[in-house]
N, C-alpha and C. Protein backbone atom coordinates (compact mmCIF):
# COMPACT_ATOMS: atom_id res chain seq x y z
N MET A 1 -3.99 26.53 -6.94
CA MET A 1 -2.39 25.96 -7.04
C MET A 1 -2.04 24.46 -7.00
N VAL A 2 -2.51 23.68 -5.92
CA VAL A 2 -2.31 22.53 -5.86
C VAL A 2 -3.71 21.98 -6.50
N THR A 3 -3.33 20.51 -7.41
CA THR A 3 -4.88 20.22 -8.22
C THR A 3 -5.30 19.07 -7.21
N ILE A 4 -6.49 18.73 -7.41
CA ILE A 4 -7.17 17.90 -6.32
C ILE A 4 -6.79 16.53 -6.75
N SER A 5 -6.10 15.89 -7.90
CA SER A 5 -5.44 14.90 -8.21
C SER A 5 -4.17 14.73 -7.50
N ALA A 6 -3.33 15.96 -7.14
CA ALA A 6 -2.09 15.94 -6.58
C ALA A 6 -2.29 15.65 -5.16
N LEU A 7 -3.68 16.44 -3.96
CA LEU A 7 -3.98 16.32 -3.16
C LEU A 7 -4.46 14.69 -2.63
N LEU A 8 -5.42 14.13 -3.79
CA LEU A 8 -5.61 12.83 -3.38
C LEU A 8 -4.58 11.73 -3.53
N GLY A 9 -3.34 12.18 -4.49
CA GLY A 9 -2.29 11.16 -4.52
C GLY A 9 -1.63 11.18 -3.33
N VAL A 10 -1.29 12.40 -2.79
CA VAL A 10 -0.56 12.25 -1.68
C VAL A 10 -1.11 11.50 -0.41
N ALA A 11 -2.59 11.77 -0.45
CA ALA A 11 -3.34 11.10 0.77
C ALA A 11 -3.67 9.68 0.46
N ALA A 12 -3.26 9.33 -0.83
CA ALA A 12 -3.27 7.87 -0.99
C ALA A 12 -2.14 7.25 -0.47
N VAL A 13 -0.79 7.64 -0.80
CA VAL A 13 0.29 7.45 -0.42
C VAL A 13 0.51 7.25 0.82
N ALA A 14 0.04 8.41 1.66
CA ALA A 14 0.22 8.81 3.04
C ALA A 14 -0.54 7.54 3.68
N LEU A 15 -1.74 7.36 3.45
CA LEU A 15 -2.62 6.26 3.83
C LEU A 15 -2.16 4.77 3.64
N ALA A 16 -1.38 4.60 2.78
CA ALA A 16 -0.84 3.22 2.30
C ALA A 16 0.47 2.89 3.22
N MET A 17 1.00 4.26 3.75
CA MET A 17 2.24 3.90 4.09
C MET A 17 2.23 4.10 5.77
N VAL A 18 1.06 4.79 6.27
CA VAL A 18 0.87 4.96 7.76
C VAL A 18 0.32 3.45 7.87
N LEU A 19 -0.36 2.70 6.87
CA LEU A 19 -0.84 1.34 7.62
C LEU A 19 -0.01 0.33 7.45
N THR A 20 1.22 0.56 6.95
CA THR A 20 2.29 -0.27 7.09
C THR A 20 3.17 -0.47 7.84
N PRO A 21 2.99 -1.45 8.93
CA PRO A 21 3.72 -1.38 10.32
C PRO A 21 5.31 -0.74 10.20
N GLY A 22 5.46 -0.04 10.95
CA GLY A 22 7.03 0.70 10.82
C GLY A 22 7.34 0.93 12.17
N PRO A 23 8.29 1.74 12.45
CA PRO A 23 8.70 2.28 14.00
C PRO A 23 7.78 2.96 14.63
N ASN A 24 7.19 4.10 13.81
CA ASN A 24 6.13 4.61 14.58
C ASN A 24 5.21 3.90 14.97
N MET A 25 4.23 3.33 14.23
CA MET A 25 3.20 2.23 14.70
C MET A 25 3.63 1.48 15.63
N MET A 26 4.77 0.77 15.67
CA MET A 26 4.99 -0.23 16.56
C MET A 26 5.37 0.36 17.88
N TYR A 27 5.99 1.50 18.08
CA TYR A 27 6.33 2.34 19.51
C TYR A 27 4.67 2.61 19.81
N LEU A 28 4.15 3.33 19.10
CA LEU A 28 2.70 3.88 19.42
C LEU A 28 1.92 2.69 20.11
N VAL A 29 1.84 1.64 19.35
CA VAL A 29 0.99 0.38 19.69
C VAL A 29 1.52 -0.15 21.09
N SER A 30 3.10 -0.46 21.17
CA SER A 30 3.17 -0.69 22.13
C SER A 30 3.27 0.04 23.63
N ARG A 31 3.35 1.45 23.16
CA ARG A 31 3.22 2.38 24.33
C ARG A 31 1.69 2.29 24.84
N SER A 32 0.85 2.07 23.99
CA SER A 32 -0.45 2.48 24.36
C SER A 32 -1.19 1.14 24.89
N ILE A 33 -0.49 -0.04 24.97
CA ILE A 33 -0.99 -1.41 25.33
C ILE A 33 -0.13 -1.52 26.78
N THR A 34 0.93 -1.14 26.79
CA THR A 34 1.77 -1.25 28.24
C THR A 34 1.31 -0.22 28.90
N GLN A 35 1.14 1.00 28.50
CA GLN A 35 0.86 2.26 29.68
C GLN A 35 -0.35 2.92 29.46
N GLY A 36 -1.39 2.46 28.56
CA GLY A 36 -2.39 3.22 28.35
C GLY A 36 -2.70 4.31 27.18
N ARG A 37 -3.62 4.54 26.88
CA ARG A 37 -4.06 5.60 25.84
C ARG A 37 -3.47 6.87 25.79
N ARG A 38 -3.48 7.63 27.09
CA ARG A 38 -2.83 8.67 27.27
C ARG A 38 -1.31 8.87 27.15
N ALA A 39 -0.72 7.83 27.32
CA ALA A 39 0.73 7.62 27.06
C ALA A 39 0.65 7.63 25.31
N GLY A 40 -0.04 6.54 25.04
CA GLY A 40 -0.08 6.83 23.47
C GLY A 40 -0.32 8.11 22.84
N VAL A 41 -1.21 8.80 23.27
CA VAL A 41 -1.52 10.07 22.37
C VAL A 41 -0.33 10.98 22.80
N ILE A 42 0.23 10.98 23.96
CA ILE A 42 1.49 11.97 24.20
C ILE A 42 2.40 11.74 23.28
N SER A 43 2.82 10.51 23.19
CA SER A 43 3.92 9.98 22.16
C SER A 43 3.72 10.45 20.98
N LEU A 44 2.01 10.22 20.75
CA LEU A 44 2.10 10.66 19.19
C LEU A 44 2.01 12.33 19.01
N ALA A 45 2.11 13.26 19.79
CA ALA A 45 2.38 14.52 19.80
C ALA A 45 3.64 14.43 19.57
N GLY A 46 4.93 13.89 19.88
CA GLY A 46 6.03 13.72 19.59
C GLY A 46 6.38 13.65 18.16
N VAL A 47 5.43 12.50 17.69
CA VAL A 47 5.75 12.27 16.33
C VAL A 47 5.12 12.93 15.59
N ALA A 48 3.99 13.98 15.88
CA ALA A 48 3.47 14.97 14.88
C ALA A 48 4.66 16.12 14.84
N VAL A 49 5.40 16.50 15.93
CA VAL A 49 6.39 17.49 15.77
C VAL A 49 7.49 16.87 14.96
N GLY A 50 7.68 15.68 14.87
CA GLY A 50 8.51 14.88 14.15
C GLY A 50 8.54 15.21 12.62
N PHE A 51 7.09 15.09 12.33
CA PHE A 51 6.46 15.35 10.98
C PHE A 51 6.84 16.98 10.43
N GLY A 52 6.60 17.69 11.47
CA GLY A 52 6.74 19.11 10.92
C GLY A 52 8.21 19.59 10.77
N VAL A 53 9.21 19.03 11.55
CA VAL A 53 10.42 19.03 11.35
C VAL A 53 10.95 18.48 10.08
N TYR A 54 10.80 17.45 9.70
CA TYR A 54 10.94 16.81 8.46
C TYR A 54 10.22 17.99 7.34
N LEU A 55 8.98 18.15 7.30
CA LEU A 55 8.42 19.01 6.24
C LEU A 55 8.86 20.13 6.43
N THR A 56 9.24 20.82 7.31
CA THR A 56 9.78 22.28 7.01
C THR A 56 11.22 22.14 6.35
N ALA A 57 12.31 21.05 6.89
CA ALA A 57 13.36 20.96 6.39
C ALA A 57 13.52 20.73 4.78
N THR A 58 12.58 19.87 4.26
CA THR A 58 12.30 19.59 3.04
C THR A 58 12.10 20.79 2.20
N ASN A 59 10.75 21.42 2.65
CA ASN A 59 10.58 22.52 1.77
C ASN A 59 11.26 23.83 1.89
N LEU A 60 11.97 23.82 2.91
CA LEU A 60 12.96 24.91 2.79
C LEU A 60 14.07 25.21 1.53
N GLY A 61 14.13 24.03 1.14
CA GLY A 61 15.53 23.45 0.19
C GLY A 61 14.81 23.13 -0.99
N LEU A 62 13.39 22.79 -1.29
CA LEU A 62 12.87 22.27 -2.56
C LEU A 62 12.54 23.01 -3.44
N ALA A 63 12.33 24.36 -3.38
CA ALA A 63 12.23 25.29 -4.70
C ALA A 63 13.49 25.42 -5.35
N ALA A 64 14.48 25.39 -4.36
CA ALA A 64 15.87 25.92 -4.92
C ALA A 64 16.20 24.70 -5.65
N ILE A 65 16.34 23.44 -4.97
CA ILE A 65 16.79 22.27 -6.05
C ILE A 65 16.02 21.84 -7.20
N PHE A 66 14.68 22.35 -7.18
CA PHE A 66 14.02 21.95 -8.60
C PHE A 66 14.53 23.18 -9.43
N LEU A 67 14.71 24.49 -9.03
CA LEU A 67 15.05 25.35 -9.93
C LEU A 67 16.57 25.02 -10.47
N ALA A 68 17.34 24.75 -9.46
CA ALA A 68 18.64 24.86 -9.77
C ALA A 68 19.17 23.27 -10.73
N VAL A 69 18.75 21.98 -10.34
CA VAL A 69 18.75 20.72 -10.83
C VAL A 69 17.29 19.99 -11.09
N PRO A 70 16.79 20.61 -12.25
CA PRO A 70 15.24 19.98 -12.41
C PRO A 70 15.64 18.33 -12.90
N THR A 71 16.60 17.88 -13.30
CA THR A 71 16.56 16.57 -13.43
C THR A 71 16.63 15.60 -12.23
N LEU A 72 16.73 16.53 -11.17
CA LEU A 72 17.08 15.65 -9.87
C LEU A 72 15.41 15.00 -9.58
N TYR A 73 14.54 15.50 -10.27
CA TYR A 73 13.18 15.28 -10.22
C TYR A 73 13.12 13.69 -10.49
N MET A 74 13.55 13.17 -11.39
CA MET A 74 13.57 11.82 -12.04
C MET A 74 14.21 11.02 -10.99
N ALA A 75 15.35 11.44 -10.45
CA ALA A 75 15.87 10.73 -9.66
C ALA A 75 15.29 10.50 -8.22
N LEU A 76 14.62 11.37 -7.92
CA LEU A 76 13.80 11.30 -6.69
C LEU A 76 12.52 10.22 -6.99
N LYS A 77 11.98 10.52 -8.36
CA LYS A 77 11.11 9.53 -8.73
C LYS A 77 11.29 8.11 -8.48
N VAL A 78 12.37 7.79 -8.97
CA VAL A 78 12.89 6.49 -8.87
C VAL A 78 13.18 5.96 -7.73
N ALA A 79 13.74 6.90 -6.61
CA ALA A 79 13.98 6.31 -5.23
C ALA A 79 12.87 6.14 -4.58
N GLY A 80 11.73 7.17 -4.90
CA GLY A 80 10.54 6.73 -4.52
C GLY A 80 9.84 5.57 -4.64
N ALA A 81 9.84 5.15 -6.03
CA ALA A 81 9.31 3.83 -6.61
C ALA A 81 9.97 2.70 -5.88
N LEU A 82 11.24 2.84 -5.87
CA LEU A 82 12.04 1.81 -5.00
C LEU A 82 11.88 1.45 -3.83
N TYR A 83 11.79 2.40 -3.02
CA TYR A 83 11.26 2.62 -1.65
C TYR A 83 10.02 2.02 -1.28
N LEU A 84 8.88 2.34 -2.17
CA LEU A 84 7.61 1.81 -1.97
C LEU A 84 7.59 -0.01 -2.41
N ALA A 85 8.52 0.03 -3.59
CA ALA A 85 8.13 -1.60 -3.99
C ALA A 85 9.17 -2.15 -2.93
N TRP A 86 10.09 -1.82 -1.95
CA TRP A 86 10.69 -2.37 -0.79
C TRP A 86 9.92 -2.65 0.15
N LEU A 87 9.00 -1.59 0.68
CA LEU A 87 7.97 -1.78 1.66
C LEU A 87 6.89 -2.91 1.29
N ALA A 88 6.40 -3.05 -0.07
CA ALA A 88 5.43 -3.78 -0.46
C ALA A 88 6.06 -5.25 -0.09
N CYS A 89 7.56 -5.45 -0.76
CA CYS A 89 8.10 -6.93 -0.32
C CYS A 89 7.95 -7.14 0.97
N GLN A 90 8.39 -5.98 1.57
CA GLN A 90 8.43 -6.43 3.24
C GLN A 90 6.96 -7.01 4.00
N ALA A 91 5.89 -6.48 3.24
CA ALA A 91 4.74 -6.70 3.76
C ALA A 91 4.28 -7.76 3.25
N LEU A 92 4.67 -8.55 2.01
CA LEU A 92 4.08 -9.57 1.49
C LEU A 92 5.11 -10.97 1.70
N ARG A 93 6.28 -10.56 2.23
CA ARG A 93 7.04 -11.82 2.82
C ARG A 93 6.52 -12.57 3.79
N PRO A 94 6.43 -14.00 3.59
CA PRO A 94 6.11 -14.85 4.66
C PRO A 94 6.58 -14.80 6.04
N GLY A 95 5.87 -15.06 7.03
CA GLY A 95 6.22 -14.90 8.46
C GLY A 95 6.75 -13.62 9.06
N GLY A 96 6.26 -12.37 8.23
CA GLY A 96 6.46 -11.26 8.41
C GLY A 96 5.96 -10.76 10.01
N ALA A 97 6.54 -10.10 10.93
CA ALA A 97 6.16 -9.87 12.27
C ALA A 97 4.80 -8.88 12.16
N SER A 98 3.85 -8.91 13.16
CA SER A 98 2.67 -7.99 13.07
C SER A 98 2.99 -6.90 14.18
N VAL A 99 2.51 -5.64 13.86
CA VAL A 99 2.66 -4.82 14.82
C VAL A 99 1.96 -5.00 15.96
N PHE A 100 0.74 -5.72 16.01
CA PHE A 100 0.08 -5.71 17.17
C PHE A 100 0.58 -7.16 18.20
N GLN A 101 1.72 -7.28 17.90
CA GLN A 101 2.59 -8.26 18.84
C GLN A 101 3.61 -7.67 19.44
N PRO A 102 3.34 -6.48 20.19
CA PRO A 102 4.33 -5.41 20.61
C PRO A 102 5.26 -5.94 21.67
N ALA A 103 6.28 -5.25 21.82
CA ALA A 103 7.46 -5.46 23.06
C ALA A 103 6.81 -4.78 24.28
N GLN A 104 7.26 -5.52 25.46
CA GLN A 104 6.61 -4.66 26.57
C GLN A 104 7.54 -3.48 27.04
N LEU A 105 7.19 -2.33 27.31
CA LEU A 105 7.99 -1.09 27.50
C LEU A 105 7.68 -0.64 29.09
N PRO A 106 8.65 -0.15 29.89
CA PRO A 106 8.42 0.33 30.92
C PRO A 106 7.54 1.70 31.18
N ALA A 107 7.11 1.92 32.28
CA ALA A 107 6.26 3.30 32.35
C ALA A 107 7.05 4.31 32.11
N ASP A 108 6.88 5.41 31.37
CA ASP A 108 7.66 6.61 31.34
C ASP A 108 7.00 7.88 31.62
N THR A 109 7.71 9.03 32.20
CA THR A 109 6.93 10.06 32.03
C THR A 109 6.42 11.17 31.00
N PRO A 110 5.50 12.02 31.08
CA PRO A 110 5.01 12.73 29.88
C PRO A 110 6.09 13.06 28.98
N ARG A 111 7.00 13.75 29.62
CA ARG A 111 8.23 14.43 28.93
C ARG A 111 9.11 13.23 28.10
N ARG A 112 9.08 12.04 28.83
CA ARG A 112 9.89 11.19 28.00
C ARG A 112 9.13 10.58 27.20
N LEU A 113 7.55 10.41 27.34
CA LEU A 113 7.18 9.98 26.19
C LEU A 113 6.99 10.79 24.72
N PHE A 114 6.98 12.17 25.24
CA PHE A 114 7.01 12.79 24.04
C PHE A 114 8.11 12.97 23.28
N GLY A 115 9.39 12.96 24.11
CA GLY A 115 10.80 13.05 23.51
C GLY A 115 10.81 11.53 22.59
N MET A 116 10.52 10.21 23.31
CA MET A 116 10.84 9.40 22.50
C MET A 116 9.50 9.12 21.07
N GLY A 117 8.72 9.60 21.39
CA GLY A 117 7.79 9.67 20.12
C GLY A 117 8.42 10.84 19.05
N LEU A 118 9.03 11.75 19.25
CA LEU A 118 9.88 12.44 18.62
C LEU A 118 11.02 11.81 18.02
N LEU A 119 11.83 11.34 18.81
CA LEU A 119 12.92 10.66 18.17
C LEU A 119 12.81 9.65 17.40
N THR A 120 11.82 8.79 17.78
CA THR A 120 11.52 7.47 17.03
C THR A 120 10.99 7.86 15.57
N ASN A 121 10.33 9.16 15.57
CA ASN A 121 9.75 9.66 14.18
C ASN A 121 11.05 10.28 13.42
N LEU A 122 12.02 10.98 13.96
CA LEU A 122 13.06 11.73 13.33
C LEU A 122 14.31 10.56 13.04
N LEU A 123 14.18 9.33 13.28
CA LEU A 123 14.89 8.17 13.00
C LEU A 123 14.50 7.22 12.35
N ASN A 124 13.23 7.79 11.79
CA ASN A 124 12.58 6.69 10.87
C ASN A 124 12.67 6.64 9.56
N PRO A 125 13.78 6.07 8.88
CA PRO A 125 13.85 6.24 7.47
C PRO A 125 12.77 6.26 6.64
N LYS A 126 11.75 5.60 6.92
CA LYS A 126 10.50 5.74 5.89
C LYS A 126 10.16 7.14 5.71
N ILE A 127 10.14 8.09 6.90
CA ILE A 127 9.46 9.38 6.71
C ILE A 127 10.48 10.24 6.09
N ALA A 128 11.74 10.12 6.32
CA ALA A 128 12.76 10.79 5.62
C ALA A 128 12.50 10.80 3.94
N VAL A 129 12.43 9.26 3.65
CA VAL A 129 12.48 9.13 2.00
C VAL A 129 11.08 9.61 1.72
N MET A 130 10.02 9.64 2.65
CA MET A 130 8.65 9.81 1.97
C MET A 130 8.92 11.51 1.73
N TYR A 131 9.36 12.37 2.66
CA TYR A 131 9.44 13.45 2.30
C TYR A 131 10.27 14.20 1.15
N LEU A 132 11.49 13.37 1.18
CA LEU A 132 12.39 13.61 0.01
C LEU A 132 12.22 13.20 -1.52
N SER A 133 11.62 11.91 -1.55
CA SER A 133 11.43 11.38 -2.64
C SER A 133 9.86 11.14 -3.19
N LEU A 134 8.77 11.33 -2.34
CA LEU A 134 7.66 10.81 -2.78
C LEU A 134 6.43 12.10 -2.85
N ILE A 135 6.73 12.96 -1.82
CA ILE A 135 5.90 14.09 -1.78
C ILE A 135 6.09 15.36 -3.12
N PRO A 136 7.55 15.49 -3.26
CA PRO A 136 7.80 16.39 -4.33
C PRO A 136 7.52 15.74 -5.71
N GLN A 137 7.23 14.43 -6.09
CA GLN A 137 6.75 14.23 -7.28
C GLN A 137 5.45 14.98 -7.87
N PHE A 138 4.65 15.03 -6.63
CA PHE A 138 3.25 15.77 -6.66
C PHE A 138 3.43 17.38 -7.07
N VAL A 139 4.48 18.13 -6.64
CA VAL A 139 4.36 19.33 -7.07
C VAL A 139 4.79 19.79 -8.41
N GLN A 140 4.06 20.69 -8.68
CA GLN A 140 4.28 21.18 -10.19
C GLN A 140 4.63 22.68 -10.09
N PRO A 141 5.89 23.05 -10.41
CA PRO A 141 6.41 24.31 -10.27
C PRO A 141 5.70 25.09 -11.12
N ALA A 142 5.21 24.74 -12.48
CA ALA A 142 4.26 25.87 -13.31
C ALA A 142 3.19 26.27 -12.41
N ARG A 143 2.78 25.57 -11.43
CA ARG A 143 1.42 26.02 -10.81
C ARG A 143 1.51 26.92 -9.67
N GLY A 144 2.61 27.48 -9.69
CA GLY A 144 2.97 28.54 -8.50
C GLY A 144 3.94 28.10 -7.44
N HIS A 145 4.11 28.54 -6.29
CA HIS A 145 5.17 28.65 -5.23
C HIS A 145 5.47 27.40 -5.03
N VAL A 146 6.73 26.81 -5.37
CA VAL A 146 6.99 25.07 -4.93
C VAL A 146 6.78 25.14 -3.48
N ALA A 147 7.31 26.16 -2.64
CA ALA A 147 7.61 25.38 -1.35
C ALA A 147 6.06 25.83 -0.49
N ALA A 148 5.40 26.38 -1.15
CA ALA A 148 3.89 26.66 -0.64
C ALA A 148 2.88 25.42 -0.98
N GLN A 149 3.38 24.82 -2.00
CA GLN A 149 2.64 23.50 -2.62
C GLN A 149 3.24 22.47 -1.71
N GLY A 150 4.74 22.53 -1.27
CA GLY A 150 5.33 21.56 -0.72
C GLY A 150 4.57 21.21 1.03
N PHE A 151 4.41 22.41 1.32
CA PHE A 151 3.83 22.32 2.55
C PHE A 151 2.12 22.11 2.61
N LEU A 152 1.72 22.58 1.71
CA LEU A 152 0.20 21.88 1.85
C LEU A 152 -0.10 20.58 1.28
N LEU A 153 1.05 19.90 0.53
CA LEU A 153 0.81 18.39 0.37
C LEU A 153 1.43 17.77 1.39
N GLY A 154 2.36 18.29 2.21
CA GLY A 154 2.70 17.88 3.26
C GLY A 154 1.97 17.75 4.55
N SER A 155 0.88 19.01 4.78
CA SER A 155 0.16 18.80 5.46
C SER A 155 -1.05 17.77 5.60
N VAL A 156 -1.35 17.38 4.24
CA VAL A 156 -2.12 16.34 3.86
C VAL A 156 -1.78 14.93 4.52
N GLN A 157 -0.21 14.85 4.14
CA GLN A 157 0.13 13.72 4.81
C GLN A 157 0.26 13.68 5.98
N ILE A 158 0.38 14.74 6.65
CA ILE A 158 0.50 14.69 8.24
C ILE A 158 -0.99 14.27 8.81
N VAL A 159 -1.78 15.24 8.40
CA VAL A 159 -3.27 14.89 8.76
C VAL A 159 -3.82 13.32 8.54
N VAL A 160 -3.20 12.80 7.64
CA VAL A 160 -3.81 11.43 7.40
C VAL A 160 -2.95 10.70 8.21
N ALA A 161 -1.76 10.86 8.51
CA ALA A 161 -0.92 9.94 9.46
C ALA A 161 -1.58 10.22 11.09
N LEU A 162 -1.67 11.17 11.36
CA LEU A 162 -2.03 11.69 12.64
C LEU A 162 -3.23 10.94 12.78
N THR A 163 -4.26 10.87 12.11
CA THR A 163 -5.58 10.77 12.23
C THR A 163 -5.44 8.93 12.35
N VAL A 164 -5.05 8.34 11.33
CA VAL A 164 -4.73 6.86 11.40
C VAL A 164 -4.16 6.63 12.60
N ASN A 165 -3.26 7.04 13.02
CA ASN A 165 -2.22 6.65 14.51
C ASN A 165 -3.08 7.02 15.53
N LEU A 166 -3.95 8.18 15.32
CA LEU A 166 -4.64 8.45 16.67
C LEU A 166 -5.97 7.20 16.79
N LEU A 167 -6.25 6.69 16.01
CA LEU A 167 -7.51 5.44 15.77
C LEU A 167 -6.66 4.41 16.55
N ILE A 168 -5.45 4.06 15.91
CA ILE A 168 -4.74 2.97 16.07
C ILE A 168 -4.26 3.15 17.68
N VAL A 169 -3.80 4.08 18.12
CA VAL A 169 -3.54 4.38 19.79
C VAL A 169 -4.82 4.14 20.65
N LEU A 170 -6.01 4.51 20.20
CA LEU A 170 -7.16 4.35 20.78
C LEU A 170 -7.91 2.99 21.13
N ALA A 171 -7.59 2.12 19.60
CA ALA A 171 -7.99 1.24 19.85
C ALA A 171 -6.75 0.16 19.85
N ALA A 172 -5.64 0.23 20.28
CA ALA A 172 -4.57 -0.79 20.40
C ALA A 172 -4.91 -2.00 20.81
N GLY A 173 -5.44 -1.76 22.18
CA GLY A 173 -5.80 -3.15 23.13
C GLY A 173 -6.75 -3.90 22.64
N THR A 174 -7.85 -3.14 21.97
CA THR A 174 -8.75 -4.14 21.68
C THR A 174 -8.60 -4.61 20.03
N VAL A 175 -7.64 -4.01 19.40
CA VAL A 175 -7.46 -4.54 17.93
C VAL A 175 -6.30 -5.70 18.13
N ALA A 176 -5.32 -5.58 19.26
CA ALA A 176 -4.59 -6.64 19.33
C ALA A 176 -5.35 -7.96 19.98
N ALA A 177 -6.36 -7.82 20.79
CA ALA A 177 -6.75 -8.96 21.21
C ALA A 177 -7.48 -9.57 20.29
N PHE A 178 -8.12 -8.70 19.51
CA PHE A 178 -8.99 -9.44 18.34
C PHE A 178 -8.13 -9.96 17.30
N LEU A 179 -7.10 -9.81 16.80
CA LEU A 179 -6.02 -10.08 15.79
C LEU A 179 -5.22 -11.19 16.45
N THR A 180 -5.00 -11.35 17.70
CA THR A 180 -4.22 -12.44 18.22
C THR A 180 -4.92 -13.79 18.28
N ARG A 181 -6.32 -13.55 18.18
CA ARG A 181 -7.26 -14.77 17.95
C ARG A 181 -7.53 -14.95 16.61
N ARG A 182 -6.95 -14.06 15.67
CA ARG A 182 -7.52 -14.56 14.46
C ARG A 182 -6.29 -14.00 13.29
N PRO A 183 -5.33 -15.22 13.14
CA PRO A 183 -4.01 -14.92 12.56
C PRO A 183 -4.41 -14.85 11.09
N GLY A 184 -5.41 -15.15 10.43
CA GLY A 184 -5.67 -15.04 9.08
C GLY A 184 -5.89 -13.43 8.81
N TRP A 185 -6.49 -12.80 9.74
CA TRP A 185 -6.66 -11.20 9.64
C TRP A 185 -5.28 -10.64 9.46
N LEU A 186 -4.50 -10.92 10.10
CA LEU A 186 -3.25 -10.63 10.31
C LEU A 186 -2.34 -10.68 8.75
N ARG A 187 -2.55 -12.10 8.36
CA ARG A 187 -1.96 -12.07 6.74
C ARG A 187 -2.84 -11.37 5.74
N ALA A 188 -4.07 -11.15 6.10
CA ALA A 188 -4.87 -10.48 5.26
C ALA A 188 -4.43 -9.11 4.77
N GLN A 189 -4.17 -8.38 6.06
CA GLN A 189 -3.76 -7.00 6.02
C GLN A 189 -2.37 -6.86 5.65
N ARG A 190 -1.45 -7.79 6.00
CA ARG A 190 -0.10 -7.91 5.23
C ARG A 190 -0.39 -7.83 3.53
N TYR A 191 -1.06 -8.83 3.19
CA TYR A 191 -1.56 -8.79 1.52
C TYR A 191 -1.97 -7.50 0.93
N VAL A 192 -3.03 -7.37 1.54
CA VAL A 192 -3.71 -6.16 0.93
C VAL A 192 -2.59 -4.63 0.94
N MET A 193 -2.00 -4.29 2.10
CA MET A 193 -0.90 -3.35 2.20
C MET A 193 -0.07 -3.67 1.11
N GLY A 194 0.52 -4.44 1.36
CA GLY A 194 1.70 -5.08 0.10
C GLY A 194 1.12 -4.75 -1.40
N THR A 195 0.14 -5.16 -1.65
CA THR A 195 -0.54 -5.08 -3.12
C THR A 195 -0.56 -3.58 -3.06
N VAL A 196 -1.13 -2.88 -2.38
CA VAL A 196 -1.60 -1.22 -2.58
C VAL A 196 0.04 -0.62 -2.82
N LEU A 197 1.14 -1.00 -1.92
CA LEU A 197 2.22 -0.17 -2.20
C LEU A 197 2.90 -0.67 -3.47
N GLY A 198 2.66 -1.96 -3.92
CA GLY A 198 3.06 -2.40 -5.06
C GLY A 198 2.59 -1.91 -6.25
N ALA A 199 1.45 -1.50 -6.07
CA ALA A 199 0.77 -0.74 -7.30
C ALA A 199 1.05 0.86 -7.33
N LEU A 200 1.42 1.26 -6.26
CA LEU A 200 1.74 2.80 -5.96
C LEU A 200 3.54 2.72 -6.72
N ALA A 201 4.22 1.52 -6.27
CA ALA A 201 5.53 1.63 -7.01
C ALA A 201 5.30 1.49 -8.47
N VAL A 202 4.77 0.73 -8.99
CA VAL A 202 4.54 0.48 -10.55
C VAL A 202 4.31 1.87 -11.22
N ARG A 203 3.02 2.35 -10.74
CA ARG A 203 2.51 3.89 -11.02
C ARG A 203 3.84 4.98 -10.90
N LEU A 204 4.50 4.84 -9.84
CA LEU A 204 5.56 5.67 -10.01
C LEU A 204 6.57 5.75 -11.14
N ALA A 205 7.04 4.29 -11.21
CA ALA A 205 8.11 4.11 -11.95
C ALA A 205 7.84 4.32 -13.63
N THR A 206 6.40 4.09 -13.77
CA THR A 206 5.99 4.42 -15.35
C THR A 206 5.42 5.80 -15.55
N ASP A 207 5.20 6.38 -14.58
CA ASP A 207 4.73 8.13 -15.00
C ASP A 207 6.03 8.62 -15.52
N ARG A 208 5.62 9.30 -16.60
CA ARG A 208 6.53 9.81 -17.42
C ARG A 208 6.50 11.27 -17.09
N ALA A 209 5.84 11.79 -16.40
CA ALA A 209 5.87 13.25 -16.26
C ALA A 209 6.94 13.97 -16.01
N ARG A 210 7.27 15.20 -16.47
CA ARG A 210 8.42 15.77 -15.84
C ARG A 210 8.13 17.20 -15.35
N PRO A 211 8.86 17.96 -14.23
CA PRO A 211 8.72 19.18 -13.98
C PRO A 211 8.84 20.06 -14.97
N VAL A 212 7.83 21.29 -14.84
CA VAL A 212 7.92 22.59 -15.69
C VAL A 212 8.27 23.53 -15.03
N LEU A 213 9.55 24.21 -15.33
CA LEU A 213 10.08 25.40 -14.57
C LEU A 213 8.86 26.45 -14.71
N ALA A 214 8.77 27.32 -14.03
CA ALA A 214 7.66 28.36 -14.05
C ALA A 214 8.62 29.24 -14.76
N GLY A 215 7.86 30.15 -15.61
CA GLY A 215 8.74 31.35 -16.22
C GLY A 215 8.91 32.50 -15.69
């Protein structure tokens, strides 16, 4: 139903985006450094639920949208390309802040940690745009149930995002200390991620594929 190239494409986009500092990563790193790994993991559980909310909301309407307005596919592709290009510019601009220079946060209860992780994800525009304009481009209506493809591809993104964020939570303190003493590594991280995102934006913008509706 879903091609290997589509799965790999979603995984590549998810990896590039999760490694680009954003609200989720900044919150998780700050929480892990100031309150410990357990707090970071609980916060990450809230983030995971947020991913599920976005994925479900998107896929419940995705099939109907594609069937009713197939030309919307191109508009979503353009939006996705522009957003990736914007993320690339943010990563490459001089003087960009590092995610491993976190703000100090007060200690919170597990319930509040979970809720804040969930809220941080739900209010993250990067996640909303990703589900609405990036993942749908890998869905091929001619290959079967559109919503099922969307859930499968979205699940790949969630697995990649949660795996990377969990590793970051577990290693946040060590990585922060390492990078603080090596500012050159921080710049290299920003340049690599900016380049990858820029390349993905170009690929999206130049891809002339069109959706084919199943008969």
